[in-house]
Amino acid sequence: MSPGTRRVLLKLSGEAFADPEIGYGIDPATVNRVAQEVAEAHNTGVEIAIVVGGGNIFRGVSQAARGMDPAAADYMGMLATVINALALRDALEKAGVETRVQSAITMQQLAEPYIRLKAIRHLEKGRVVIFAAGTGNPFFTTDTTAALRAVEVGAEALLKASKVDGIYDSDPVGNPDAVLLPELTYMDFLSRDLRVMDSTAVTMCKEHDVPIVVFDMTDPGTILRAVRGEPIGTVVR
């Protein structure tokens, strides 16, 4: 990475692509808003890699609970992330940002295979790289994928875009007195079992000293602020 250049990994849940009123599917207006914010952040010179979830289309864990084979359900969820990645690439290209999709499951007509050094080269050339299909293996979440890819490409931070404005000491939906925690250590996060991100992902970031920023992406402008490194949400480090 050249001196003065920042490289970040942005984790977008499937909710980033869904119609905010119905909570599922792909809403073009929502995807375009996210793409515009990523484009603005990219135009500041920050190198941006993205990992996308697929819960707006198919969530493997919930389907597995209904009796489906867990591995099959996870593979279906991986395919859902590819659909989201293609939608986001289309929106980013229309916003003027050269973008590549790399898939952990080979599908050469749609995306490049995931190759670490090629992904880094794309970032160095000023392209946004979207990582799809998770790790390519069942039983791993896209949060773990985000941590893995952040370490692999040398990202300075993992930015987890969610629907809440940070990490609370308890579920803010069920507890109106929940307190926002602006900063946590990795061990604090793990010992409190906060469930905002899976423990495998947090442990990987801890081992490789990659800070995690959890923030609310539904508020316009927050993606740009997070990518710029401005104080926002909760920092785990």
C-alpha atoms as a PDB file:
ATOM      1  CA  MET A   1       0.000   0.000   0.000  1.00  0.00           C
ATOM      2  CA  SER A   2       1.399   3.388  -0.940  1.00  0.00           C
ATOM      3  CA  PRO A   3       2.164   5.909   1.839  1.00  0.00           C
ATOM      4  CA  GLY A   4      -0.944   7.805   2.925  1.00  0.00           C
ATOM      5  CA  THR A   5      -3.373   5.382   1.297  1.00  0.00           C
ATOM      6  CA  ARG A   6      -6.060   3.791   3.449  1.00  0.00           C
ATOM      7  CA  ARG A   7      -7.563   0.410   2.650  1.00  0.00           C
ATOM      8  CA  VAL A   8     -10.732  -0.741   4.371  1.00  0.00           C
ATOM      9  CA  LEU A   9     -13.082  -3.701   4.239  1.00  0.00           C
ATOM     10  CA  LEU A  10     -16.756  -2.730   4.273  1.00  0.00           C
ATOM     11  CA  LYS A  11     -19.193  -5.442   5.375  1.00  0.00           C
ATOM     12  CA  LEU A  12     -22.713  -4.902   4.058  1.00  0.00           C
ATOM     13  CA  SER A  13     -25.509  -7.127   5.305  1.00  0.00           C
ATOM     14  CA  GLY A  14     -28.252  -8.265   2.973  1.00  0.00           C
ATOM     15  CA  GLU A  15     -30.439  -5.643   4.638  1.00  0.00           C
ATOM     16  CA  ALA A  16     -28.381  -3.061   2.748  1.00  0.00           C
ATOM     17  CA  PHE A  17     -30.081  -4.197  -0.448  1.00  0.00           C
ATOM     18  CA  ALA A  18     -33.645  -4.736   0.751  1.00  0.00           C
ATOM     19  CA  ASP A  19     -36.667  -2.505   0.471  1.00  0.00           C
ATOM     20  CA  PRO A  20     -36.734  -0.786   3.884  1.00  0.00           C
ATOM     21  CA  GLU A  21     -40.493  -1.220   4.157  1.00  0.00           C
ATOM     22  CA  ILE A  22     -40.729  -4.948   3.474  1.00  0.00           C
ATOM     23  CA  GLY A  23     -37.229  -6.000   4.563  1.00  0.00           C
ATOM     24  CA  TYR A  24     -36.389  -8.409   1.757  1.00  0.00           C
ATOM     25  CA  GLY A  25     -35.607  -8.541  -1.952  1.00  0.00           C
ATOM     26  CA  ILE A  26     -33.489  -5.991  -3.804  1.00  0.00           C
ATOM     27  CA  ASP A  27     -34.636  -2.387  -3.873  1.00  0.00           C
ATOM     28  CA  PRO A  28     -32.845  -0.468  -6.677  1.00  0.00           C
ATOM     29  CA  ALA A  29     -33.193   2.873  -4.881  1.00  0.00           C
ATOM     30  CA  THR A  30     -31.606   1.465  -1.726  1.00  0.00           C
ATOM     31  CA  VAL A  31     -28.759  -0.163  -3.662  1.00  0.00           C
ATOM     32  CA  ASN A  32     -28.137   3.059  -5.581  1.00  0.00           C
ATOM     33  CA  ARG A  33     -27.961   5.073  -2.365  1.00  0.00           C
ATOM     34  CA  VAL A  34     -25.392   2.679  -0.918  1.00  0.00           C
ATOM     35  CA  ALA A  35     -23.417   2.764  -4.175  1.00  0.00           C
ATOM     36  CA  GLN A  36     -23.402   6.574  -4.227  1.00  0.00           C
ATOM     37  CA  GLU A  37     -22.002   6.684  -0.687  1.00  0.00           C
ATOM     38  CA  VAL A  38     -19.338   4.102  -1.524  1.00  0.00           C
ATOM     39  CA  ALA A  39     -18.483   6.104  -4.652  1.00  0.00           C
ATOM     40  CA  GLU A  40     -18.090   9.301  -2.624  1.00  0.00           C
ATOM     41  CA  ALA A  41     -15.819   7.520  -0.171  1.00  0.00           C
ATOM     42  CA  HIS A  42     -13.834   5.938  -2.991  1.00  0.00           C
ATOM     43  CA  ASN A  43     -13.338   9.336  -4.612  1.00  0.00           C
ATOM     44  CA  THR A  44     -11.458  10.491  -1.504  1.00  0.00           C
ATOM     45  CA  GLY A  45      -8.694   8.033  -2.409  1.00  0.00           C
ATOM     46  CA  VAL A  46      -9.555   5.247   0.034  1.00  0.00           C
ATOM     47  CA  GLU A  47      -9.175   1.711  -1.298  1.00  0.00           C
ATOM     48  CA  ILE A  48     -12.412  -0.175  -0.621  1.00  0.00           C
ATOM     49  CA  ALA A  49     -13.105  -3.893  -0.555  1.00  0.00           C
ATOM     50  CA  ILE A  50     -16.638  -5.081   0.210  1.00  0.00           C
ATOM     51  CA  VAL A  51     -18.143  -8.284   1.555  1.00  0.00           C
ATOM     52  CA  VAL A  52     -21.881  -8.680   1.027  1.00  0.00           C
ATOM     53  CA  GLY A  53     -24.414 -10.791   2.885  1.00  0.00           C
ATOM     54  CA  GLY A  54     -27.474 -12.439   1.387  1.00  0.00           C
ATOM     55  CA  GLY A  55     -30.113 -12.414   4.109  1.00  0.00           C
ATOM     56  CA  ASN A  56     -32.459 -10.246   2.049  1.00  0.00           C
ATOM     57  CA  ILE A  57     -32.853 -13.177  -0.364  1.00  0.00           C
ATOM     58  CA  PHE A  58     -32.082 -16.343   1.576  1.00  0.00           C
ATOM     59  CA  ARG A  59     -30.800 -16.816   5.111  1.00  0.00           C
ATOM     60  CA  GLY A  60     -29.325 -20.264   5.535  1.00  0.00           C
ATOM     61  CA  VAL A  61     -29.601 -20.438   9.296  1.00  0.00           C
ATOM     62  CA  SER A  62     -33.328 -19.768   9.389  1.00  0.00           C
ATOM     63  CA  GLN A  63     -34.059 -22.222   6.586  1.00  0.00           C
ATOM     64  CA  ALA A  64     -31.896 -24.880   8.210  1.00  0.00           C
ATOM     65  CA  ALA A  65     -34.001 -24.516  11.355  1.00  0.00           C
ATOM     66  CA  ARG A  66     -37.008 -25.610   9.311  1.00  0.00           C
ATOM     67  CA  GLY A  67     -35.446 -28.972   8.530  1.00  0.00           C
ATOM     68  CA  MET A  68     -33.296 -28.218   5.484  1.00  0.00           C
ATOM     69  CA  ASP A  69     -29.832 -29.741   5.374  1.00  0.00           C
ATOM     70  CA  PRO A  70     -27.580 -27.057   6.962  1.00  0.00           C
ATOM     71  CA  ALA A  71     -24.828 -27.331   4.345  1.00  0.00           C
ATOM     72  CA  ALA A  72     -27.299 -27.072   1.452  1.00  0.00           C
ATOM     73  CA  ALA A  73     -28.938 -24.067   3.089  1.00  0.00           C
ATOM     74  CA  ASP A  74     -25.578 -22.344   3.528  1.00  0.00           C
ATOM     75  CA  TYR A  75     -24.665 -22.903  -0.122  1.00  0.00           C
ATOM     76  CA  MET A  76     -27.982 -21.370  -1.143  1.00  0.00           C
ATOM     77  CA  GLY A  77     -27.158 -18.390   1.069  1.00  0.00           C
ATOM     78  CA  MET A  78     -23.803 -18.043  -0.676  1.00  0.00           C
ATOM     79  CA  LEU A  79     -25.546 -17.841  -4.037  1.00  0.00           C
ATOM     80  CA  ALA A  80     -27.757 -15.087  -2.623  1.00  0.00           C
ATOM     81  CA  THR A  81     -24.630 -13.036  -1.847  1.00  0.00           C
ATOM     82  CA  VAL A  82     -23.571 -13.341  -5.491  1.00  0.00           C
ATOM     83  CA  ILE A  83     -26.876 -11.838  -6.606  1.00  0.00           C
ATOM     84  CA  ASN A  84     -26.354  -8.906  -4.237  1.00  0.00           C
ATOM     85  CA  ALA A  85     -22.756  -8.473  -5.375  1.00  0.00           C
ATOM     86  CA  LEU A  86     -23.826  -8.248  -9.014  1.00  0.00           C
ATOM     87  CA  ALA A  87     -26.512  -5.693  -8.146  1.00  0.00           C
ATOM     88  CA  LEU A  88     -24.019  -3.571  -6.228  1.00  0.00           C
ATOM     89  CA  ARG A  89     -21.423  -3.794  -8.985  1.00  0.00           C
ATOM     90  CA  ASP A  90     -23.986  -2.565 -11.508  1.00  0.00           C
ATOM     91  CA  ALA A  91     -24.875   0.410  -9.280  1.00  0.00           C
ATOM     92  CA  LEU A  92     -21.219   1.258  -8.601  1.00  0.00           C
ATOM     93  CA  GLU A  93     -20.306   1.126 -12.289  1.00  0.00           C
ATOM     94  CA  LYS A  94     -23.204   3.485 -13.044  1.00  0.00           C
ATOM     95  CA  ALA A  95     -21.828   5.779 -10.324  1.00  0.00           C
ATOM     96  CA  GLY A  96     -18.518   5.881 -12.189  1.00  0.00           C
ATOM     97  CA  VAL A  97     -16.551   3.445 -10.020  1.00  0.00           C
ATOM     98  CA  GLU A  98     -14.694   0.619 -11.720  1.00  0.00           C
ATOM     99  CA  THR A  99     -15.675  -2.518  -9.815  1.00  0.00           C
ATOM    100  CA  ARG A 100     -14.815  -6.218  -9.816  1.00  0.00           C
ATOM    101  CA  VAL A 101     -16.702  -9.101  -8.229  1.00  0.00           C
ATOM    102  CA  GLN A 102     -14.697 -12.063  -6.977  1.00  0.00           C
ATOM    103  CA  SER A 103     -16.567 -15.200  -5.961  1.00  0.00           C
ATOM    104  CA  ALA A 104     -15.349 -17.926  -3.628  1.00  0.00           C
ATOM    105  CA  ILE A 105     -17.492 -20.339  -5.685  1.00  0.00           C
ATOM    106  CA  THR A 106     -16.369 -20.523  -9.303  1.00  0.00           C
ATOM    107  CA  MET A 107     -18.905 -19.114 -11.776  1.00  0.00           C
ATOM    108  CA  GLN A 108     -16.766 -17.677 -14.539  1.00  0.00           C
ATOM    109  CA  GLN A 109     -19.612 -16.199 -16.582  1.00  0.00           C
ATOM    110  CA  LEU A 110     -20.579 -13.924 -13.669  1.00  0.00           C
ATOM    111  CA  ALA A 111     -17.502 -13.167 -11.585  1.00  0.00           C
ATOM    112  CA  GLU A 112     -13.792 -13.664 -11.230  1.00  0.00           C
ATOM    113  CA  PRO A 113     -12.647 -16.474  -8.952  1.00  0.00           C
ATOM    114  CA  TYR A 114     -11.302 -15.229  -5.627  1.00  0.00           C
ATOM    115  CA  ILE A 115      -7.547 -14.765  -6.001  1.00  0.00           C
ATOM    116  CA  ARG A 116      -5.945 -12.822  -3.176  1.00  0.00           C
ATOM    117  CA  LEU A 117      -3.095 -11.191  -5.104  1.00  0.00           C
ATOM    118  CA  LYS A 118      -5.408 -10.252  -7.979  1.00  0.00           C
ATOM    119  CA  ALA A 119      -7.821  -8.659  -5.519  1.00  0.00           C
ATOM    120  CA  ILE A 120      -4.984  -6.605  -4.010  1.00  0.00           C
ATOM    121  CA  ARG A 121      -3.881  -5.541  -7.488  1.00  0.00           C
ATOM    122  CA  HIS A 122      -7.413  -4.370  -8.308  1.00  0.00           C
ATOM    123  CA  LEU A 123      -7.438  -2.277  -5.121  1.00  0.00           C
ATOM    124  CA  GLU A 124      -4.053  -0.771  -5.970  1.00  0.00           C
ATOM    125  CA  LYS A 125      -5.426   0.200  -9.386  1.00  0.00           C
ATOM    126  CA  GLY A 126      -8.274   2.089  -7.751  1.00  0.00           C
ATOM    127  CA  ARG A 127     -11.019  -0.450  -8.287  1.00  0.00           C
ATOM    128  CA  VAL A 128     -13.586  -1.494  -5.716  1.00  0.00           C
ATOM    129  CA  VAL A 129     -13.567  -5.257  -5.161  1.00  0.00           C
ATOM    130  CA  ILE A 130     -16.708  -7.055  -3.974  1.00  0.00           C
ATOM    131  CA  PHE A 131     -16.184 -10.473  -2.409  1.00  0.00           C
ATOM    132  CA  ALA A 132     -19.144 -12.819  -2.913  1.00  0.00           C
ATOM    133  CA  ALA A 133     -20.119 -16.388  -1.939  1.00  0.00           C
ATOM    134  CA  GLY A 134     -18.692 -16.117   1.562  1.00  0.00           C
ATOM    135  CA  THR A 135     -15.639 -18.269   2.178  1.00  0.00           C
ATOM    136  CA  GLY A 136     -16.929 -20.881  -0.261  1.00  0.00           C
ATOM    137  CA  ASN A 137     -17.558 -23.249   2.638  1.00  0.00           C
ATOM    138  CA  PRO A 138     -20.717 -23.916   4.671  1.00  0.00           C
ATOM    139  CA  PHE A 139     -20.949 -23.137   8.384  1.00  0.00           C
ATOM    140  CA  PHE A 140     -19.086 -19.818   8.137  1.00  0.00           C
ATOM    141  CA  THR A 141     -20.897 -16.493   8.309  1.00  0.00           C
ATOM    142  CA  THR A 142     -20.274 -13.522   6.065  1.00  0.00           C
ATOM    143  CA  ASP A 143     -18.937 -11.738   9.165  1.00  0.00           C
ATOM    144  CA  THR A 144     -16.184 -14.348   9.309  1.00  0.00           C
ATOM    145  CA  THR A 145     -15.669 -13.892   5.570  1.00  0.00           C
ATOM    146  CA  ALA A 146     -15.277 -10.150   6.130  1.00  0.00           C
ATOM    147  CA  ALA A 147     -12.664 -10.689   8.839  1.00  0.00           C
ATOM    148  CA  LEU A 148     -10.796 -13.215   6.692  1.00  0.00           C
ATOM    149  CA  ARG A 149     -10.743 -11.009   3.602  1.00  0.00           C
ATOM    150  CA  ALA A 150      -9.768  -7.946   5.664  1.00  0.00           C
ATOM    151  CA  VAL A 151      -6.720  -9.815   6.940  1.00  0.00           C
ATOM    152  CA  GLU A 152      -5.898 -11.265   3.524  1.00  0.00           C
ATOM    153  CA  VAL A 153      -5.905  -7.951   1.648  1.00  0.00           C
ATOM    154  CA  GLY A 154      -4.279  -5.968   4.454  1.00  0.00           C
ATOM    155  CA  ALA A 155      -7.230  -3.737   5.331  1.00  0.00           C
ATOM    156  CA  GLU A 156      -6.656  -1.226   8.109  1.00  0.00           C
ATOM    157  CA  ALA A 157     -10.172  -1.672   9.480  1.00  0.00           C
ATOM    158  CA  LEU A 158     -13.294  -3.784   9.140  1.00  0.00           C
ATOM    159  CA  LEU A 159     -16.368  -1.565   8.858  1.00  0.00           C
ATOM    160  CA  LYS A 160     -19.568  -3.424   9.713  1.00  0.00           C
ATOM    161  CA  ALA A 161     -22.587  -1.570   8.378  1.00  0.00           C
ATOM    162  CA  SER A 162     -25.726  -2.494  10.316  1.00  0.00           C
ATOM    163  CA  LYS A 163     -29.168  -1.131  11.226  1.00  0.00           C
ATOM    164  CA  VAL A 164     -28.130   0.054  14.701  1.00  0.00           C
ATOM    165  CA  ASP A 165     -25.829   2.947  15.539  1.00  0.00           C
ATOM    166  CA  GLY A 166     -23.280   0.829  17.400  1.00  0.00           C
ATOM    167  CA  ILE A 167     -22.952  -1.887  20.013  1.00  0.00           C
ATOM    168  CA  TYR A 168     -25.124  -1.724  23.133  1.00  0.00           C
ATOM    169  CA  ASP A 169     -24.712  -3.465  26.476  1.00  0.00           C
ATOM    170  CA  SER A 170     -28.001  -5.282  25.767  1.00  0.00           C
ATOM    171  CA  ASP A 171     -30.506  -5.549  22.935  1.00  0.00           C
ATOM    172  CA  PRO A 172     -31.793  -1.978  22.344  1.00  0.00           C
ATOM    173  CA  VAL A 173     -34.939  -3.371  20.726  1.00  0.00           C
ATOM    174  CA  GLY A 174     -35.998  -5.235  23.831  1.00  0.00           C
ATOM    175  CA  ASN A 175     -34.435  -2.906  26.398  1.00  0.00           C
ATOM    176  CA  PRO A 176     -35.104   0.845  26.055  1.00  0.00           C
ATOM    177  CA  ASP A 177     -32.468   1.495  28.740  1.00  0.00           C
ATOM    178  CA  ALA A 178     -29.685  -0.193  26.774  1.00  0.00           C
ATOM    179  CA  VAL A 179     -26.474   1.855  26.760  1.00  0.00           C
ATOM    180  CA  LEU A 180     -24.369   2.497  23.656  1.00  0.00           C
ATOM    181  CA  LEU A 181     -20.746   1.414  24.099  1.00  0.00           C
ATOM    182  CA  PRO A 182     -18.523   3.743  22.035  1.00  0.00           C
ATOM    183  CA  GLU A 183     -15.416   1.582  22.457  1.00  0.00           C
ATOM    184  CA  LEU A 184     -14.668  -2.009  23.442  1.00  0.00           C
ATOM    185  CA  THR A 185     -11.669  -4.284  23.533  1.00  0.00           C
ATOM    186  CA  TYR A 186     -11.852  -7.570  21.646  1.00  0.00           C
ATOM    187  CA  MET A 187     -11.899  -9.461  24.949  1.00  0.00           C
ATOM    188  CA  ASP A 188     -14.722  -7.276  26.291  1.00  0.00           C
ATOM    189  CA  PHE A 189     -16.771  -8.088  23.230  1.00  0.00           C
ATOM    190  CA  LEU A 190     -16.121 -11.816  23.499  1.00  0.00           C
ATOM    191  CA  SER A 191     -16.653 -12.059  27.262  1.00  0.00           C
ATOM    192  CA  ARG A 192     -19.961 -10.167  27.098  1.00  0.00           C
ATOM    193  CA  ASP A 193     -21.221 -12.439  24.304  1.00  0.00           C
ATOM    194  CA  LEU A 194     -22.791  -9.448  22.576  1.00  0.00           C
ATOM    195  CA  ARG A 195     -23.838 -11.348  19.415  1.00  0.00           C
ATOM    196  CA  VAL A 196     -23.506  -8.342  17.094  1.00  0.00           C
ATOM    197  CA  MET A 197     -20.798 -10.223  15.236  1.00  0.00           C
ATOM    198  CA  ASP A 198     -19.845 -13.864  15.501  1.00  0.00           C
ATOM    199  CA  SER A 199     -16.970 -14.756  17.798  1.00  0.00           C
ATOM    200  CA  THR A 200     -14.898 -16.381  15.043  1.00  0.00           C
ATOM    201  CA  ALA A 201     -14.761 -13.085  13.151  1.00  0.00           C
ATOM    202  CA  VAL A 202     -13.873 -11.064  16.244  1.00  0.00           C
ATOM    203  CA  THR A 203     -11.186 -13.542  17.284  1.00  0.00           C
ATOM    204  CA  MET A 204      -9.600 -13.366  13.836  1.00  0.00           C
ATOM    205  CA  CYS A 205      -9.547  -9.563  13.961  1.00  0.00           C
ATOM    206  CA  LYS A 206      -8.041  -9.723  17.440  1.00  0.00           C
ATOM    207  CA  GLU A 207      -5.265 -12.071  16.334  1.00  0.00           C
ATOM    208  CA  HIS A 208      -4.349  -9.796  13.417  1.00  0.00           C
ATOM    209  CA  ASP A 209      -5.006  -6.450  15.119  1.00  0.00           C
ATOM    210  CA  VAL A 210      -7.749  -5.311  12.727  1.00  0.00           C
ATOM    211  CA  PRO A 211     -10.106  -2.824  14.425  1.00  0.00           C
ATOM    212  CA  ILE A 212     -13.840  -3.289  13.886  1.00  0.00           C
ATOM    213  CA  VAL A 213     -16.235  -0.361  13.510  1.00  0.00           C
ATOM    214  CA  VAL A 214     -19.963  -1.064  13.889  1.00  0.00           C
ATOM    215  CA  PHE A 215     -22.254   1.715  12.663  1.00  0.00           C
ATOM    216  CA  ASP A 216     -25.733   2.467  11.322  1.00  0.00           C
ATOM    217  CA  MET A 217     -25.726   2.533   7.537  1.00  0.00           C
ATOM    218  CA  THR A 218     -29.397   3.545   7.239  1.00  0.00           C
ATOM    219  CA  ASP A 219     -28.480   7.121   8.178  1.00  0.00           C
ATOM    220  CA  PRO A 220     -27.299   8.857   4.968  1.00  0.00           C
ATOM    221  CA  GLY A 221     -23.634   9.792   5.004  1.00  0.00           C
ATOM    222  CA  THR A 222     -22.494   7.279   7.600  1.00  0.00           C
ATOM    223  CA  ILE A 223     -20.728   4.994   5.128  1.00  0.00           C
ATOM    224  CA  LEU A 224     -18.644   7.946   3.936  1.00  0.00           C
ATOM    225  CA  ARG A 225     -17.845   8.941   7.518  1.00  0.00           C
ATOM    226  CA  ALA A 226     -16.861   5.408   8.474  1.00  0.00           C
ATOM    227  CA  VAL A 227     -14.622   4.929   5.457  1.00  0.00           C
ATOM    228  CA  ARG A 228     -12.938   8.263   6.132  1.00  0.00           C
ATOM    229  CA  GLY A 229     -12.133   7.083   9.638  1.00  0.00           C
ATOM    230  CA  GLU A 230     -14.282   9.650  11.438  1.00  0.00           C
ATOM    231  CA  PRO A 231     -15.528   8.785  14.960  1.00  0.00           C
ATOM    232  CA  ILE A 232     -18.752   6.865  14.507  1.00  0.00           C
ATOM    233  CA  GLY A 233     -20.642   3.997  16.105  1.00  0.00           C
ATOM    234  CA  THR A 234     -18.630   1.559  18.220  1.00  0.00           C
ATOM    235  CA  VAL A 235     -14.973   0.683  17.777  1.00  0.00           C
ATOM    236  CA  VAL A 236     -13.701  -2.743  18.835  1.00  0.00           C
ATOM    237  CA  ARG A 237      -9.923  -2.950  19.098  1.00  0.00           C
END
